[in-house]
Amino acid sequence: MRKTLGTIALFLELITGTANAEMLPITLLKVTDGDTIKALVNGEKESIRLLDIDCYETSKNPRAIWQGEYYHLSVGQVMQKGEYSKQRLKDLLGKRKDLKLEWNKRDRYRRILGRVYLDDRNINDYMLSSGGCEKYVERKK
């Protein structure tokens, strides 16, 4: 009965995107960039956006242009910092596949927003302190 209730609660959280206080085991599939990974979450392939941080973009896109203007950098510098942060995340995670996710919610792109942990290390905090990322700032349109 307890297992069934847990499964139902998890299912409701997946549908509604509400916060999950528990740590979910996830399997890393790919580092997309400095603040986004692909992983298996409950057997499903998901995109996970690291909550509260904003790593620089790796390609010229509207966000990269905005970052350049906001942080007074050229788009080339933004992309260089983006490649740096992506490599930092790859170096940190290495071949490790076993991570934990503290689920917060889904964003408008249906990505999971959350905190990812390797052992007891908060990856979000590590990326913020290691360079190539900033505290997340909502882009004004």
Protein backbone atom coordinates (compact mmCIF):
# COMPACT_ATOMS: atom_id res chain seq x y z
CA MET A 1 0.00 0.00 0.00
CA ARG A 2 2.79 2.44 0.95
CA LYS A 3 4.60 1.73 -2.35
CA THR A 4 1.38 2.36 -4.29
CA LEU A 5 0.81 5.70 -2.54
CA GLY A 6 4.40 6.72 -3.27
CA THR A 7 3.98 5.83 -6.93
CA ILE A 8 0.74 7.83 -7.12
CA ALA A 9 2.36 10.84 -5.43
CA LEU A 10 5.32 10.71 -7.82
CA PHE A 11 2.97 10.41 -10.80
CA LEU A 12 1.03 13.49 -9.65
CA GLU A 13 4.26 15.45 -9.22
CA LEU A 14 5.38 14.48 -12.72
CA ILE A 15 2.08 15.66 -14.19
CA THR A 16 1.78 18.89 -12.23
CA GLY A 17 5.48 19.72 -12.04
CA THR A 18 5.24 20.50 -8.33
CA ALA A 19 8.21 20.38 -6.01
CA ASN A 20 9.50 17.03 -4.87
CA ALA A 21 11.28 17.12 -1.53
CA GLU A 22 12.80 13.69 -2.09
CA MET A 23 16.01 13.04 -3.94
CA LEU A 24 15.36 11.03 -7.08
CA PRO A 25 18.13 8.87 -8.51
CA ILE A 26 18.85 9.82 -12.12
CA THR A 27 21.18 8.47 -14.77
CA LEU A 28 23.21 11.00 -16.74
CA LEU A 29 22.95 10.60 -20.50
CA LYS A 30 24.57 13.80 -21.79
CA VAL A 31 25.83 17.22 -20.77
CA THR A 32 24.03 19.64 -23.08
CA ASP A 33 25.69 22.80 -21.79
CA GLY A 34 26.85 24.27 -18.48
CA ASP A 35 23.39 24.39 -16.95
CA THR A 36 21.47 21.64 -18.75
CA ILE A 37 21.80 17.86 -18.84
CA LYS A 38 19.87 14.97 -20.36
CA ALA A 39 19.13 12.15 -17.94
CA LEU A 40 16.88 9.21 -17.25
CA VAL A 41 14.37 10.14 -14.58
CA ASN A 42 12.05 7.34 -13.54
CA GLY A 43 12.95 5.55 -16.77
CA GLU A 44 12.08 8.54 -18.98
CA LYS A 45 14.55 10.66 -20.96
CA GLU A 46 14.32 14.19 -19.57
CA SER A 47 16.06 17.50 -20.01
CA ILE A 48 17.09 18.96 -16.65
CA ARG A 49 17.88 22.65 -16.25
CA LEU A 50 20.02 23.46 -13.21
CA LEU A 51 17.91 25.77 -11.06
CA ASP A 52 18.98 29.31 -10.12
CA ILE A 53 22.06 29.49 -12.37
CA ASP A 54 22.59 30.75 -15.89
CA CYS A 55 25.65 29.52 -17.73
CA TYR A 56 26.70 31.38 -20.82
CA GLU A 57 25.39 30.18 -24.16
CA THR A 58 27.50 28.00 -26.47
CA SER A 59 25.93 29.23 -29.71
CA LYS A 60 24.81 32.55 -31.14
CA ASN A 61 21.15 32.83 -30.23
CA PRO A 62 18.89 35.50 -28.69
CA ARG A 63 19.93 34.52 -25.15
CA ALA A 64 23.63 34.82 -26.07
CA ILE A 65 23.00 38.28 -27.50
CA TRP A 66 21.12 39.28 -24.35
CA GLN A 67 23.92 37.90 -22.13
CA GLY A 68 26.47 39.88 -24.11
CA GLU A 69 24.52 43.09 -23.66
CA TYR A 70 23.69 42.44 -20.00
CA TYR A 71 27.23 41.44 -18.96
CA HIS A 72 29.02 43.81 -21.40
CA LEU A 73 30.64 41.02 -23.43
CA SER A 74 30.88 40.27 -27.11
CA VAL A 75 28.83 37.32 -28.34
CA GLY A 76 32.16 35.57 -29.01
CA GLN A 77 33.15 36.02 -25.36
CA VAL A 78 29.75 34.71 -24.26
CA MET A 79 30.17 31.58 -26.39
CA GLN A 80 33.75 31.09 -25.15
CA LYS A 81 32.53 31.26 -21.54
CA GLY A 82 29.69 28.90 -22.48
CA GLU A 83 32.11 26.30 -23.83
CA TYR A 84 34.20 26.69 -20.67
CA SER A 85 31.22 26.05 -18.37
CA LYS A 86 30.07 23.08 -20.45
CA GLN A 87 33.55 21.55 -20.19
CA ARG A 88 33.64 22.23 -16.41
CA LEU A 89 30.42 20.27 -16.00
CA LYS A 90 31.68 17.43 -18.19
CA ASP A 91 34.95 17.31 -16.22
CA LEU A 92 33.11 17.26 -12.91
CA LEU A 93 30.69 14.52 -13.86
CA GLY A 94 33.25 12.54 -15.87
CA LYS A 95 32.02 9.01 -16.44
CA ARG A 96 29.75 9.13 -13.38
CA LYS A 97 26.20 8.26 -14.27
CA ASP A 98 24.66 8.06 -10.79
CA LEU A 99 23.28 11.42 -9.76
CA LYS A 100 20.44 12.62 -7.58
CA LEU A 101 17.79 15.17 -8.49
CA GLU A 102 15.90 17.50 -6.21
CA TRP A 103 12.95 18.31 -8.47
CA ASN A 104 11.48 21.81 -8.26
CA LYS A 105 9.12 22.25 -11.23
CA ARG A 106 8.97 22.30 -15.03
CA ASP A 107 9.65 25.37 -17.12
CA ARG A 108 7.76 26.57 -20.18
CA TYR A 109 9.90 24.28 -22.36
CA ARG A 110 8.86 21.25 -20.21
CA ARG A 111 12.40 20.87 -18.84
CA ILE A 112 12.72 19.82 -15.23
CA LEU A 113 14.09 22.62 -13.08
CA GLY A 114 15.99 21.32 -10.11
CA ARG A 115 19.17 20.81 -8.16
CA VAL A 116 21.47 17.97 -9.14
CA TYR A 117 23.81 16.27 -6.71
CA LEU A 118 26.89 14.12 -7.23
CA ASP A 119 27.41 12.28 -3.96
CA ASP A 120 26.68 15.13 -1.52
CA ARG A 121 27.95 17.93 -3.78
CA ASN A 122 25.37 20.39 -5.07
CA ILE A 123 26.27 20.67 -8.77
CA ASN A 124 24.30 23.91 -9.19
CA ASP A 125 26.37 25.64 -6.48
CA TYR A 126 29.60 24.18 -7.87
CA MET A 127 28.88 25.50 -11.35
CA LEU A 128 28.05 28.95 -9.99
CA SER A 129 31.30 29.12 -8.04
CA SER A 130 33.56 27.58 -10.71
CA GLY A 131 33.07 30.23 -13.38
CA GLY A 132 31.19 30.37 -16.66
CA CYS A 133 27.86 30.79 -14.87
CA GLU A 134 26.01 33.58 -13.15
CA LYS A 135 23.09 33.74 -10.77
CA TYR A 136 19.95 33.38 -12.90
CA VAL A 137 18.45 36.69 -14.01
CA GLU A 138 15.06 36.79 -15.70
CA ARG A 139 15.41 38.36 -19.13
CA LYS A 140 13.13 41.34 -19.56
CA LYS A 141 11.44 41.45 -22.93
